[in-house]
């Protein structure tokens, strides 16, 4: 089966909360579920292989600077200039309004105690 079920989508929403691309504030209701390993390449339609992406990022993910992996079922994003982020908390309900304007991207420096995504240190990203 190629399409995620409603139950799978709810579980992914509970984990991701919205588009997982750092800096994107599109909420879950406007996102699509993306197969991290494409279905056409044997990727399963399973919660551990699905992430939320807004339409714009979903259209660009295969050709753009963003790469997604799912070590241990946790979204891990590699972006431009090889910055890496890993998902560290549950969904942020209404995450647009929860974070101050200067931190609306949901990121913190490596080791920080932010919400959403945490940027990995270069040393940690290599090992």
PDB file of N, CA and C in Angstrom:
ATOM      1  N   UNK A   1       0.847  -1.180   0.000  1.00  0.00           N
ATOM      2  CA  UNK A   1       0.000   0.000   0.000  1.00  0.00           C
ATOM      3  C   UNK A   1       0.890   1.240   0.000  1.00  0.00           C
ATOM      4  N   UNK A   2       0.611   2.165  -0.895  1.00  0.00           N
ATOM      5  CA  UNK A   2       1.439   3.359  -1.058  1.00  0.00           C
ATOM      6  C   UNK A   2       0.999   4.512  -0.154  1.00  0.00           C
ATOM      7  N   UNK A   3      -0.288   4.644   0.081  1.00  0.00           N
ATOM      8  CA  UNK A   3      -0.804   5.774   0.876  1.00  0.00           C
ATOM      9  C   UNK A   3      -0.811   5.438   2.364  1.00  0.00           C
ATOM     10  N   UNK A   4      -0.441   6.414   3.174  1.00  0.00           N
ATOM     11  CA  UNK A   4      -0.478   6.254   4.622  1.00  0.00           C
ATOM     12  C   UNK A   4      -1.929   6.259   5.091  1.00  0.00           C
ATOM     13  N   UNK A   5      -2.241   5.415   6.068  1.00  0.00           N
ATOM     14  CA  UNK A   5      -3.596   5.368   6.614  1.00  0.00           C
ATOM     15  C   UNK A   5      -3.826   6.573   7.523  1.00  0.00           C
ATOM     16  N   UNK A   6      -5.084   6.807   7.875  1.00  0.00           N
ATOM     17  CA  UNK A   6      -5.415   7.906   8.793  1.00  0.00           C
ATOM     18  C   UNK A   6      -4.739   7.690  10.147  1.00  0.00           C
ATOM     19  N   UNK A   7      -4.673   6.453  10.597  1.00  0.00           N
ATOM     20  CA  UNK A   7      -4.028   6.148  11.877  1.00  0.00           C
ATOM     21  C   UNK A   7      -2.530   6.438  11.811  1.00  0.00           C
ATOM     22  N   UNK A   8      -1.887   6.048  10.719  1.00  0.00           N
ATOM     23  CA  UNK A   8      -0.460   6.337  10.553  1.00  0.00           C
ATOM     24  C   UNK A   8      -0.222   7.840  10.493  1.00  0.00           C
ATOM     25  N   UNK A   9      -1.067   8.551   9.770  1.00  0.00           N
ATOM     26  CA  UNK A   9      -0.926  10.007   9.663  1.00  0.00           C
ATOM     27  C   UNK A   9      -1.042  10.666  11.038  1.00  0.00           C
ATOM     28  N   UNK A  10      -2.010  10.220  11.845  1.00  0.00           N
ATOM     29  CA  UNK A  10      -2.160  10.787  13.197  1.00  0.00           C
ATOM     30  C   UNK A  10      -0.902  10.541  14.035  1.00  0.00           C
ATOM     31  N   UNK A  11      -0.322   9.357  13.917  1.00  0.00           N
ATOM     32  CA  UNK A  11       0.899   9.052  14.673  1.00  0.00           C
ATOM     33  C   UNK A  11       2.058   9.939  14.213  1.00  0.00           C
ATOM     34  N   UNK A  12       2.171  10.155  12.911  1.00  0.00           N
ATOM     35  CA  UNK A  12       3.240  11.003  12.371  1.00  0.00           C
ATOM     36  C   UNK A  12       3.018  12.457  12.778  1.00  0.00           C
ATOM     37  N   UNK A  13       1.768  12.911  12.764  1.00  0.00           N
ATOM     38  CA  UNK A  13       1.453  14.268  13.230  1.00  0.00           C
ATOM     39  C   UNK A  13       1.837  14.407  14.700  1.00  0.00           C
ATOM     40  N   UNK A  14       1.538  13.387  15.500  1.00  0.00           N
ATOM     41  CA  UNK A  14       1.886  13.423  16.917  1.00  0.00           C
ATOM     42  C   UNK A  14       3.378  13.532  17.148  1.00  0.00           C
ATOM     43  N   UNK A  15       4.162  12.963  16.255  1.00  0.00           N
ATOM     44  CA  UNK A  15       5.620  13.025  16.376  1.00  0.00           C
ATOM     45  C   UNK A  15       6.187  14.314  15.788  1.00  0.00           C
ATOM     46  N   UNK A  16       5.734  14.696  14.581  1.00  0.00           N
ATOM     47  CA  UNK A  16       6.361  15.801  13.845  1.00  0.00           C
ATOM     48  C   UNK A  16       5.729  17.160  14.113  1.00  0.00           C
ATOM     49  N   UNK A  17       4.431  17.240  14.232  1.00  0.00           N
ATOM     50  CA  UNK A  17       3.748  18.494  14.537  1.00  0.00           C
ATOM     51  C   UNK A  17       3.551  19.433  13.372  1.00  0.00           C
ATOM     52  N   UNK A  18       4.310  19.311  12.331  1.00  0.00           N
ATOM     53  CA  UNK A  18       4.250  20.181  11.160  1.00  0.00           C
ATOM     54  C   UNK A  18       5.406  19.830  10.251  1.00  0.00           C
ATOM     55  N   UNK A  19       5.634  20.630   9.240  1.00  0.00           N
ATOM     56  CA  UNK A  19       6.739  20.375   8.310  1.00  0.00           C
ATOM     57  C   UNK A  19       8.048  20.272   9.097  1.00  0.00           C
ATOM     58  N   UNK A  20       8.798  19.200   8.845  1.00  0.00           N
ATOM     59  CA  UNK A  20      10.019  18.970   9.633  1.00  0.00           C
ATOM     60  C   UNK A  20      11.225  19.746   9.131  1.00  0.00           C
ATOM     61  N   UNK A  21      11.100  20.461   8.027  1.00  0.00           N
ATOM     62  CA  UNK A  21      12.236  21.225   7.528  1.00  0.00           C
ATOM     63  C   UNK A  21      12.478  22.422   8.454  1.00  0.00           C
ATOM     64  N   UNK A  22      13.666  22.545   9.029  1.00  0.00           N
ATOM     65  CA  UNK A  22      13.969  23.653   9.932  1.00  0.00           C
ATOM     66  C   UNK A  22      13.681  25.003   9.277  1.00  0.00           C
ATOM     67  N   UNK A  23      13.024  25.860  10.036  1.00  0.00           N
ATOM     68  CA  UNK A  23      12.670  27.184   9.546  1.00  0.00           C
ATOM     69  C   UNK A  23      11.285  27.249   8.946  1.00  0.00           C
ATOM     70  N   UNK A  24      10.667  26.101   8.679  1.00  0.00           N
ATOM     71  CA  UNK A  24       9.327  26.076   8.089  1.00  0.00           C
ATOM     72  C   UNK A  24       8.292  26.014   9.215  1.00  0.00           C
ATOM     73  N   UNK A  25       7.290  26.861   9.136  1.00  0.00           N
ATOM     74  CA  UNK A  25       6.278  26.911  10.192  1.00  0.00           C
ATOM     75  C   UNK A  25       4.916  26.403   9.722  1.00  0.00           C
ATOM     76  N   UNK A  26       4.876  25.653   8.638  1.00  0.00           N
ATOM     77  CA  UNK A  26       3.607  25.136   8.127  1.00  0.00           C
ATOM     78  C   UNK A  26       3.095  24.057   9.083  1.00  0.00           C
ATOM     79  N   UNK A  27       1.855  24.202   9.573  1.00  0.00           N
ATOM     80  CA  UNK A  27       1.301  23.235  10.525  1.00  0.00           C
ATOM     81  C   UNK A  27       0.921  21.914   9.857  1.00  0.00           C
ATOM     82  N   UNK A  28       0.706  20.905  10.681  1.00  0.00           N
ATOM     83  CA  UNK A  28       0.427  19.547  10.211  1.00  0.00           C
ATOM     84  C   UNK A  28      -0.756  19.469   9.253  1.00  0.00           C
ATOM     85  N   UNK A  29      -1.796  20.243   9.503  1.00  0.00           N
ATOM     86  CA  UNK A  29      -2.989  20.193   8.662  1.00  0.00           C
ATOM     87  C   UNK A  29      -2.735  20.566   7.220  1.00  0.00           C
ATOM     88  N   UNK A  30      -1.655  21.255   6.955  1.00  0.00           N
ATOM     89  CA  UNK A  30      -1.315  21.675   5.596  1.00  0.00           C
ATOM     90  C   UNK A  30      -0.155  20.866   5.030  1.00  0.00           C
ATOM     91  N   UNK A  31       0.223  19.795   5.710  1.00  0.00           N
ATOM     92  CA  UNK A  31       1.367  18.984   5.283  1.00  0.00           C
ATOM     93  C   UNK A  31       0.929  17.669   4.649  1.00  0.00           C
ATOM     94  N   UNK A  32       1.860  17.092   3.908  1.00  0.00           N
ATOM     95  CA  UNK A  32       1.697  15.775   3.300  1.00  0.00           C
ATOM     96  C   UNK A  32       2.682  14.832   3.987  1.00  0.00           C
ATOM     97  N   UNK A  33       2.365  13.524   3.970  1.00  0.00           N
ATOM     98  CA  UNK A  33       3.297  12.549   4.522  1.00  0.00           C
ATOM     99  C   UNK A  33       4.214  12.076   3.392  1.00  0.00           C
ATOM    100  N   UNK A  34       5.498  12.186   3.623  1.00  0.00           N
ATOM    101  CA  UNK A  34       6.532  11.835   2.643  1.00  0.00           C
ATOM    102  C   UNK A  34       7.187  10.518   3.034  1.00  0.00           C
ATOM    103  N   UNK A  35       7.354   9.606   2.073  1.00  0.00           N
ATOM    104  CA  UNK A  35       8.131   8.387   2.288  1.00  0.00           C
ATOM    105  C   UNK A  35       9.614   8.773   2.299  1.00  0.00           C
ATOM    106  N   UNK A  36      10.308   8.539   3.400  1.00  0.00           N
ATOM    107  CA  UNK A  36      11.734   8.861   3.482  1.00  0.00           C
ATOM    108  C   UNK A  36      12.511   8.000   2.481  1.00  0.00           C
ATOM    109  N   UNK A  37      12.303   6.696   2.525  1.00  0.00           N
ATOM    110  CA  UNK A  37      12.790   5.818   1.460  1.00  0.00           C
ATOM    111  C   UNK A  37      11.623   5.682   0.497  1.00  0.00           C
ATOM    112  N   UNK A  38      11.777   6.163  -0.729  1.00  0.00           N
ATOM    113  CA  UNK A  38      10.646   6.185  -1.656  1.00  0.00           C
ATOM    114  C   UNK A  38       9.979   4.818  -1.836  1.00  0.00           C
ATOM    115  N   UNK A  39       8.671   4.837  -1.951  1.00  0.00           N
ATOM    116  CA  UNK A  39       7.889   3.624  -2.154  1.00  0.00           C
ATOM    117  C   UNK A  39       8.399   2.865  -3.380  1.00  0.00           C
ATOM    118  N   UNK A  40       8.727   3.592  -4.424  1.00  0.00           N
ATOM    119  CA  UNK A  40       9.193   2.957  -5.669  1.00  0.00           C
ATOM    120  C   UNK A  40      10.547   2.268  -5.501  1.00  0.00           C
ATOM    121  N   UNK A  41      11.250   2.584  -4.420  1.00  0.00           N
ATOM    122  CA  UNK A  41      12.535   1.937  -4.128  1.00  0.00           C
ATOM    123  C   UNK A  41      12.415   0.954  -2.968  1.00  0.00           C
ATOM    124  N   UNK A  42      11.205   0.501  -2.700  1.00  0.00           N
ATOM    125  CA  UNK A  42      10.984  -0.486  -1.650  1.00  0.00           C
ATOM    126  C   UNK A  42      10.687   0.090  -0.282  1.00  0.00           C
ATOM    127  N   UNK A  43      10.519   1.403  -0.189  1.00  0.00           N
ATOM    128  CA  UNK A  43      10.200   2.027   1.095  1.00  0.00           C
ATOM    129  C   UNK A  43       8.810   1.622   1.568  1.00  0.00           C
ATOM    130  N   UNK A  44       8.728   1.219   2.816  1.00  0.00           N
ATOM    131  CA  UNK A  44       7.447   0.789   3.375  1.00  0.00           C
ATOM    132  C   UNK A  44       6.579   1.986   3.732  1.00  0.00           C
ATOM    133  N   UNK A  45       5.282   1.769   3.677  1.00  0.00           N
ATOM    134  CA  UNK A  45       4.329   2.770   4.135  1.00  0.00           C
ATOM    135  C   UNK A  45       4.120   2.488   5.621  1.00  0.00           C
ATOM    136  N   UNK A  46       4.996   3.070   6.427  1.00  0.00           N
ATOM    137  CA  UNK A  46       5.051   2.814   7.865  1.00  0.00           C
ATOM    138  C   UNK A  46       5.441   4.110   8.565  1.00  0.00           C
ATOM    139  N   UNK A  47       5.011   4.269   9.805  1.00  0.00           N
ATOM    140  CA  UNK A  47       5.307   5.480  10.580  1.00  0.00           C
ATOM    141  C   UNK A  47       6.811   5.756  10.625  1.00  0.00           C
ATOM    142  N   UNK A  48       7.621   4.713  10.718  1.00  0.00           N
ATOM    143  CA  UNK A  48       9.075   4.887  10.780  1.00  0.00           C
ATOM    144  C   UNK A  48       9.704   5.243   9.438  1.00  0.00           C
ATOM    145  N   UNK A  49       8.882   5.353   8.383  1.00  0.00           N
ATOM    146  CA  UNK A  49       9.390   5.753   7.069  1.00  0.00           C
ATOM    147  C   UNK A  49       8.611   6.949   6.523  1.00  0.00           C
ATOM    148  N   UNK A  50       7.869   7.625   7.380  1.00  0.00           N
ATOM    149  CA  UNK A  50       7.084   8.775   6.940  1.00  0.00           C
ATOM    150  C   UNK A  50       7.369  10.003   7.777  1.00  0.00           C
ATOM    151  N   UNK A  51       7.416  11.164   7.121  1.00  0.00           N
ATOM    152  CA  UNK A  51       7.593  12.446   7.807  1.00  0.00           C
ATOM    153  C   UNK A  51       6.651  13.463   7.187  1.00  0.00           C
ATOM    154  N   UNK A  52       6.314  14.495   7.957  1.00  0.00           N
ATOM    155  CA  UNK A  52       5.474  15.570   7.440  1.00  0.00           C
ATOM    156  C   UNK A  52       6.317  16.601   6.710  1.00  0.00           C
ATOM    157  N   UNK A  53       5.865  16.952   5.514  1.00  0.00           N
ATOM    158  CA  UNK A  53       6.482  18.022   4.736  1.00  0.00           C
ATOM    159  C   UNK A  53       5.381  18.898   4.164  1.00  0.00           C
ATOM    160  N   UNK A  54       5.605  20.200   4.165  1.00  0.00           N
ATOM    161  CA  UNK A  54       4.663  21.093   3.497  1.00  0.00           C
ATOM    162  C   UNK A  54       4.759  20.826   1.994  1.00  0.00           C
ATOM    163  N   UNK A  55       3.779  21.292   1.249  1.00  0.00           N
ATOM    164  CA  UNK A  55       3.747  21.040  -0.187  1.00  0.00           C
ATOM    165  C   UNK A  55       5.024  21.537  -0.867  1.00  0.00           C
ATOM    166  N   UNK A  56       5.467  22.727  -0.522  1.00  0.00           N
ATOM    167  CA  UNK A  56       6.650  23.301  -1.161  1.00  0.00           C
ATOM    168  C   UNK A  56       7.903  22.478  -0.934  1.00  0.00           C
ATOM    169  N   UNK A  57       8.136  22.046   0.316  1.00  0.00           N
ATOM    170  CA  UNK A  57       9.318  21.232   0.598  1.00  0.00           C
ATOM    171  C   UNK A  57       9.163  19.823   0.028  1.00  0.00           C
ATOM    172  N   UNK A  58       7.930  19.302   0.016  1.00  0.00           N
ATOM    173  CA  UNK A  58       7.707  17.971  -0.540  1.00  0.00           C
ATOM    174  C   UNK A  58       8.060  17.943  -2.027  1.00  0.00           C
ATOM    175  N   UNK A  59       7.760  19.022  -2.735  1.00  0.00           N
ATOM    176  CA  UNK A  59       8.059  19.082  -4.168  1.00  0.00           C
ATOM    177  C   UNK A  59       9.561  19.170  -4.441  1.00  0.00           C
ATOM    178  N   UNK A  60      10.317  19.701  -3.486  1.00  0.00           N
ATOM    179  CA  UNK A  60      11.752  19.952  -3.690  1.00  0.00           C
ATOM    180  C   UNK A  60      12.672  18.939  -3.018  1.00  0.00           C
ATOM    181  N   UNK A  61      12.124  18.050  -2.200  1.00  0.00           N
ATOM    182  CA  UNK A  61      12.972  17.216  -1.351  1.00  0.00           C
ATOM    183  C   UNK A  61      13.915  16.308  -2.144  1.00  0.00           C
ATOM    184  N   UNK A  62      13.476  15.776  -3.262  1.00  0.00           N
ATOM    185  CA  UNK A  62      14.331  14.860  -4.016  1.00  0.00           C
ATOM    186  C   UNK A  62      15.410  15.564  -4.822  1.00  0.00           C
ATOM    187  N   UNK A  63      15.200  16.836  -5.145  1.00  0.00           N
ATOM    188  CA  UNK A  63      16.183  17.546  -5.966  1.00  0.00           C
ATOM    189  C   UNK A  63      16.866  18.695  -5.235  1.00  0.00           C
ATOM    190  N   UNK A  64      16.389  19.026  -4.046  1.00  0.00           N
ATOM    191  CA  UNK A  64      16.919  20.175  -3.321  1.00  0.00           C
ATOM    192  C   UNK A  64      18.042  19.816  -2.373  1.00  0.00           C
ATOM    193  N   UNK A  65      18.416  20.780  -1.529  1.00  0.00           N
ATOM    194  CA  UNK A  65      19.554  20.586  -0.629  1.00  0.00           C
ATOM    195  C   UNK A  65      19.213  19.790   0.630  1.00  0.00           C
ATOM    196  N   UNK A  66      17.947  19.427   0.841  1.00  0.00           N
ATOM    197  CA  UNK A  66      17.540  18.743   2.064  1.00  0.00           C
ATOM    198  C   UNK A  66      17.561  17.234   1.875  1.00  0.00           C
ATOM    199  N   UNK A  67      18.072  16.511   2.872  1.00  0.00           N
ATOM    200  CA  UNK A  67      18.064  15.050   2.890  1.00  0.00           C
ATOM    201  C   UNK A  67      17.495  14.615   4.232  1.00  0.00           C
ATOM    202  N   UNK A  68      16.679  13.579   4.207  1.00  0.00           N
ATOM    203  CA  UNK A  68      16.036  13.089   5.422  1.00  0.00           C
ATOM    204  C   UNK A  68      16.395  11.625   5.614  1.00  0.00           C
ATOM    205  N   UNK A  69      16.694  11.264   6.856  1.00  0.00           N
ATOM    206  CA  UNK A  69      16.880   9.861   7.218  1.00  0.00           C
ATOM    207  C   UNK A  69      16.090   9.617   8.499  1.00  0.00           C
ATOM    208  N   UNK A  70      15.911   8.353   8.848  1.00  0.00           N
ATOM    209  CA  UNK A  70      15.094   8.005  10.016  1.00  0.00           C
ATOM    210  C   UNK A  70      15.822   7.013  10.920  1.00  0.00           C
ATOM    211  N   UNK A  71      16.976   7.375  11.486  1.00  0.00           N
ATOM    212  CA  UNK A  71      17.630   6.436  12.396  1.00  0.00           C
ATOM    213  C   UNK A  71      16.744   6.195  13.618  1.00  0.00           C
ATOM    214  N   UNK A  72      16.469   4.939  13.893  1.00  0.00           N
ATOM    215  CA  UNK A  72      15.632   4.549  15.042  1.00  0.00           C
ATOM    216  C   UNK A  72      14.253   5.197  15.009  1.00  0.00           C
ATOM    217  N   UNK A  73      13.733   5.485  13.811  1.00  0.00           N
ATOM    218  CA  UNK A  73      12.393   6.053  13.684  1.00  0.00           C
ATOM    219  C   UNK A  73      12.293   7.520  14.045  1.00  0.00           C
ATOM    220  N   UNK A  74      13.424   8.214  14.143  1.00  0.00           N
ATOM    221  CA  UNK A  74      13.439   9.636  14.502  1.00  0.00           C
ATOM    222  C   UNK A  74      13.897  10.446  13.295  1.00  0.00           C
ATOM    223  N   UNK A  75      13.105  11.442  12.860  1.00  0.00           N
ATOM    224  CA  UNK A  75      13.511  12.236  11.697  1.00  0.00           C
ATOM    225  C   UNK A  75      14.849  12.945  11.915  1.00  0.00           C
ATOM    226  N   UNK A  76      15.709  12.824  10.933  1.00  0.00           N
ATOM    227  CA  UNK A  76      17.030  13.456  10.940  1.00  0.00           C
ATOM    228  C   UNK A  76      17.149  14.193   9.612  1.00  0.00           C
ATOM    229  N   UNK A  77      17.361  15.491   9.665  1.00  0.00           N
ATOM    230  CA  UNK A  77      17.377  16.328   8.464  1.00  0.00           C
ATOM    231  C   UNK A  77      18.786  16.855   8.216  1.00  0.00           C
ATOM    232  N   UNK A  78      19.241  16.709   6.991  1.00  0.00           N
ATOM    233  CA  UNK A  78      20.525  17.297   6.583  1.00  0.00           C
ATOM    234  C   UNK A  78      20.195  18.375   5.570  1.00  0.00           C
ATOM    235  N   UNK A  79      20.636  19.592   5.852  1.00  0.00           N
ATOM    236  CA  UNK A  79      20.294  20.726   5.009  1.00  0.00           C
ATOM    237  C   UNK A  79      21.473  21.303   4.269  1.00  0.00           C
ATOM    238  N   UNK A  80      21.287  22.497   3.716  1.00  0.00           N
ATOM    239  CA  UNK A  80      22.358  23.178   2.992  1.00  0.00           C
ATOM    240  C   UNK A  80      23.596  23.333   3.880  1.00  0.00           C
ATOM    241  N   UNK A  81      24.741  23.331   3.269  1.00  0.00           N
ATOM    242  CA  UNK A  81      26.027  23.485   3.967  1.00  0.00           C
ATOM    243  C   UNK A  81      26.232  22.380   5.002  1.00  0.00           C
ATOM    244  N   UNK A  82      25.546  21.251   4.817  1.00  0.00           N
ATOM    245  CA  UNK A  82      25.700  20.065   5.653  1.00  0.00           C
ATOM    246  C   UNK A  82      25.340  20.292   7.116  1.00  0.00           C
ATOM    247  N   UNK A  83      24.458  21.264   7.384  1.00  0.00           N
ATOM    248  CA  UNK A  83      23.919  21.397   8.736  1.00  0.00           C
ATOM    249  C   UNK A  83      22.975  20.227   8.951  1.00  0.00           C
ATOM    250  N   UNK A  84      22.951  19.695  10.167  1.00  0.00           N
ATOM    251  CA  UNK A  84      22.086  18.562  10.454  1.00  0.00           C
ATOM    252  C   UNK A  84      21.226  18.855  11.671  1.00  0.00           C
ATOM    253  N   UNK A  85      19.986  18.370  11.622  1.00  0.00           N
ATOM    254  CA  UNK A  85      19.046  18.531  12.718  1.00  0.00           C
ATOM    255  C   UNK A  85      18.415  17.189  13.001  1.00  0.00           C
ATOM    256  N   UNK A  86      18.071  16.959  14.251  1.00  0.00           N
ATOM    257  CA  UNK A  86      17.344  15.754  14.609  1.00  0.00           C
ATOM    258  C   UNK A  86      16.130  16.155  15.425  1.00  0.00           C
ATOM    259  N   UNK A  87      15.043  15.446  15.224  1.00  0.00           N
ATOM    260  CA  UNK A  87      13.793  15.751  15.910  1.00  0.00           C
ATOM    261  C   UNK A  87      13.919  15.289  17.356  1.00  0.00           C
ATOM    262  N   UNK A  88      13.649  16.164  18.322  1.00  0.00           N
ATOM    263  CA  UNK A  88      13.884  15.807  19.720  1.00  0.00           C
ATOM    264  C   UNK A  88      12.653  15.856  20.611  1.00  0.00           C
ATOM    265  N   UNK A  89      11.550  16.387  20.148  1.00  0.00           N
ATOM    266  CA  UNK A  89      10.371  16.463  21.000  1.00  0.00           C
ATOM    267  C   UNK A  89       9.130  16.097  20.224  1.00  0.00           C
ATOM    268  N   UNK A  90       8.033  15.907  20.954  1.00  0.00           N
ATOM    269  CA  UNK A  90       6.749  15.660  20.318  1.00  0.00           C
ATOM    270  C   UNK A  90       6.278  16.902  19.592  1.00  0.00           C
ATOM    271  N   UNK A  91       5.150  16.751  18.941  1.00  0.00           N
ATOM    272  CA  UNK A  91       4.558  17.836  18.146  1.00  0.00           C
ATOM    273  C   UNK A  91       4.389  19.103  18.964  1.00  0.00           C
ATOM    274  N   UNK A  92       4.453  20.205  18.256  1.00  0.00           N
ATOM    275  CA  UNK A  92       4.225  21.508  18.852  1.00  0.00           C
ATOM    276  C   UNK A  92       2.845  21.967  18.410  1.00  0.00           C
ATOM    277  N   UNK A  93       1.854  21.838  19.266  1.00  0.00           N
ATOM    278  CA  UNK A  93       0.506  22.275  18.908  1.00  0.00           C
ATOM    279  C   UNK A  93       0.540  23.774  18.643  1.00  0.00           C
ATOM    280  N   UNK A  94       0.012  24.164  17.512  1.00  0.00           N
ATOM    281  CA  UNK A  94       0.043  25.573  17.107  1.00  0.00           C
ATOM    282  C   UNK A  94       1.459  26.118  17.194  1.00  0.00           C
ATOM    283  N   UNK A  95       2.410  25.377  16.656  1.00  0.00           N
ATOM    284  CA  UNK A  95       3.820  25.720  16.845  1.00  0.00           C
ATOM    285  C   UNK A  95       4.208  27.063  16.262  1.00  0.00           C
ATOM    286  N   UNK A  96       3.406  27.647  15.416  1.00  0.00           N
ATOM    287  CA  UNK A  96       3.729  28.985  14.905  1.00  0.00           C
ATOM    288  C   UNK A  96       3.738  30.014  16.025  1.00  0.00           C
ATOM    289  N   UNK A  97       2.760  29.913  16.917  1.00  0.00           N
ATOM    290  CA  UNK A  97       2.627  30.942  17.941  1.00  0.00           C
ATOM    291  C   UNK A  97       3.355  30.599  19.236  1.00  0.00           C
ATOM    292  N   UNK A  98       3.849  29.378  19.388  1.00  0.00           N
ATOM    293  CA  UNK A  98       4.501  28.991  20.633  1.00  0.00           C
ATOM    294  C   UNK A  98       5.901  29.552  20.790  1.00  0.00           C
ATOM    295  N   UNK A  99       6.566  29.832  19.701  1.00  0.00           N
ATOM    296  CA  UNK A  99       7.962  30.236  19.773  1.00  0.00           C
ATOM    297  C   UNK A  99       8.112  31.723  19.511  1.00  0.00           C
ATOM    298  N   UNK A 100       9.046  32.376  20.170  1.00  0.00           N
ATOM    299  CA  UNK A 100       9.287  33.790  19.895  1.00  0.00           C
ATOM    300  C   UNK A 100       9.654  33.982  18.426  1.00  0.00           C
ATOM    301  N   UNK A 101       9.406  35.160  17.900  1.00  0.00           N
ATOM    302  CA  UNK A 101       9.637  35.438  16.481  1.00  0.00           C
ATOM    303  C   UNK A 101      11.063  35.119  16.059  1.00  0.00           C
ATOM    304  N   UNK A 102      12.046  35.408  16.905  1.00  0.00           N
ATOM    305  CA  UNK A 102      13.428  35.160  16.508  1.00  0.00           C
ATOM    306  C   UNK A 102      13.809  33.688  16.596  1.00  0.00           C
ATOM    307  N   UNK A 103      12.955  32.853  17.164  1.00  0.00           N
ATOM    308  CA  UNK A 103      13.235  31.421  17.263  1.00  0.00           C
ATOM    309  C   UNK A 103      12.121  30.599  16.614  1.00  0.00           C
ATOM    310  N   UNK A 104      11.363  31.208  15.699  1.00  0.00           N
ATOM    311  CA  UNK A 104      10.215  30.527  15.107  1.00  0.00           C
ATOM    312  C   UNK A 104      10.610  29.309  14.295  1.00  0.00           C
ATOM    313  N   UNK A 105      11.892  29.173  13.990  1.00  0.00           N
ATOM    314  CA  UNK A 105      12.352  28.025  13.228  1.00  0.00           C
ATOM    315  C   UNK A 105      12.423  26.767  14.071  1.00  0.00           C
ATOM    316  N   UNK A 106      12.328  26.859  15.407  1.00  0.00           N
ATOM    317  CA  UNK A 106      12.321  25.695  16.270  1.00  0.00           C
ATOM    318  C   UNK A 106      13.674  25.047  16.477  1.00  0.00           C
ATOM    319  N   UNK A 107      14.764  25.758  16.219  1.00  0.00           N
ATOM    320  CA  UNK A 107      16.095  25.185  16.358  1.00  0.00           C
ATOM    321  C   UNK A 107      16.802  25.723  17.583  1.00  0.00           C
ATOM    322  N   UNK A 108      17.729  24.949  18.081  1.00  0.00           N
ATOM    323  CA  UNK A 108      18.623  25.431  19.124  1.00  0.00           C
ATOM    324  C   UNK A 108      20.030  25.006  18.739  1.00  0.00           C
ATOM    325  N   UNK A 109      21.006  25.601  19.365  1.00  0.00           N
ATOM    326  CA  UNK A 109      22.386  25.169  19.136  1.00  0.00           C
ATOM    327  C   UNK A 109      22.549  23.758  19.672  1.00  0.00           C
ATOM    328  N   UNK A 110      23.556  23.059  19.212  1.00  0.00           N
ATOM    329  CA  UNK A 110      23.793  21.689  19.652  1.00  0.00           C
ATOM    330  C   UNK A 110      23.807  21.629  21.168  1.00  0.00           C
ATOM    331  N   UNK A 111      23.088  20.657  21.710  1.00  0.00           N
ATOM    332  CA  UNK A 111      23.047  20.484  23.150  1.00  0.00           C
ATOM    333  C   UNK A 111      22.062  21.396  23.846  1.00  0.00           C
ATOM    334  N   UNK A 112      21.407  22.302  23.127  1.00  0.00           N
ATOM    335  CA  UNK A 112      20.446  23.213  23.731  1.00  0.00           C
ATOM    336  C   UNK A 112      19.171  22.516  24.138  1.00  0.00           C
ATOM    337  N   UNK A 113      18.356  23.205  24.890  1.00  0.00           N
ATOM    338  CA  UNK A 113      17.106  22.624  25.347  1.00  0.00           C
ATOM    339  C   UNK A 113      15.928  23.303  24.670  1.00  0.00           C
ATOM    340  N   UNK A 114      15.888  23.308  23.368  1.00  0.00           N
ATOM    341  CA  UNK A 114      14.791  23.911  22.628  1.00  0.00           C
ATOM    342  C   UNK A 114      13.709  22.903  22.337  1.00  0.00           C
ATOM    343  N   UNK A 115      12.765  23.313  21.513  1.00  0.00           N
ATOM    344  CA  UNK A 115      11.676  22.444  21.117  1.00  0.00           C
ATOM    345  C   UNK A 115      11.808  22.172  19.633  1.00  0.00           C
ATOM    346  N   UNK A 116      11.325  21.061  19.186  1.00  0.00           N
ATOM    347  CA  UNK A 116      11.270  20.767  17.766  1.00  0.00           C
ATOM    348  C   UNK A 116      12.514  20.094  17.249  1.00  0.00           C
ATOM    349  N   UNK A 117      13.463  20.856  16.778  1.00  0.00           N
ATOM    350  CA  UNK A 117      14.667  20.296  16.185  1.00  0.00           C
ATOM    351  C   UNK A 117      15.885  20.871  16.903  1.00  0.00           C
ATOM    352  N   UNK A 118      16.927  20.087  16.992  1.00  0.00           N
ATOM    353  CA  UNK A 118      18.183  20.549  17.563  1.00  0.00           C
ATOM    354  C   UNK A 118      19.271  20.347  16.533  1.00  0.00           C
ATOM    355  N   UNK A 119      20.053  21.391  16.284  1.00  0.00           N
ATOM    356  CA  UNK A 119      21.155  21.257  15.340  1.00  0.00           C
ATOM    357  C   UNK A 119      22.254  20.444  15.998  1.00  0.00           C
ATOM    358  N   UNK A 120      22.781  19.480  15.261  1.00  0.00           N
ATOM    359  CA  UNK A 120      23.854  18.640  15.780  1.00  0.00           C
ATOM    360  C   UNK A 120      25.183  19.346  15.626  1.00  0.00           C
ATOM    361  N   UNK A 121      26.109  19.059  16.516  1.00  0.00           N
ATOM    362  CA  UNK A 121      27.453  19.610  16.361  1.00  0.00           C
ATOM    363  C   UNK A 121      28.137  18.913  15.194  1.00  0.00           C
ATOM    364  N   UNK A 122      29.119  19.560  14.606  1.00  0.00           N
ATOM    365  CA  UNK A 122      29.839  18.964  13.482  1.00  0.00           C
ATOM    366  C   UNK A 122      30.498  17.653  13.906  1.00  0.00           C
ATOM    367  N   UNK A 123      31.052  17.622  15.104  1.00  0.00           N
ATOM    368  CA  UNK A 123      31.704  16.397  15.572  1.00  0.00           C
ATOM    369  C   UNK A 123      30.687  15.281  15.741  1.00  0.00           C
ATOM    370  N   UNK A 124      29.525  15.605  16.314  1.00  0.00           N
ATOM    371  CA  UNK A 124      28.487  14.606  16.511  1.00  0.00           C
ATOM    372  C   UNK A 124      27.897  14.129  15.206  1.00  0.00           C
ATOM    373  N   UNK A 125      27.847  14.997  14.223  1.00  0.00           N
ATOM    374  CA  UNK A 125      27.262  14.638  12.939  1.00  0.00           C
ATOM    375  C   UNK A 125      28.155  13.674  12.174  1.00  0.00           C
ATOM    376  N   UNK A 126      29.431  13.724  12.428  1.00  0.00           N
ATOM    377  CA  UNK A 126      30.353  12.877  11.689  1.00  0.00           C
ATOM    378  C   UNK A 126      30.412  11.469  12.269  1.00  0.00           C
ATOM    379  N   UNK A 127      30.072  11.310  13.542  1.00  0.00           N
ATOM    380  CA  UNK A 127      30.206  10.005  14.186  1.00  0.00           C
ATOM    381  C   UNK A 127      28.929   9.368  14.316  1.00  0.00           C
TER     382      UNK A 127
END
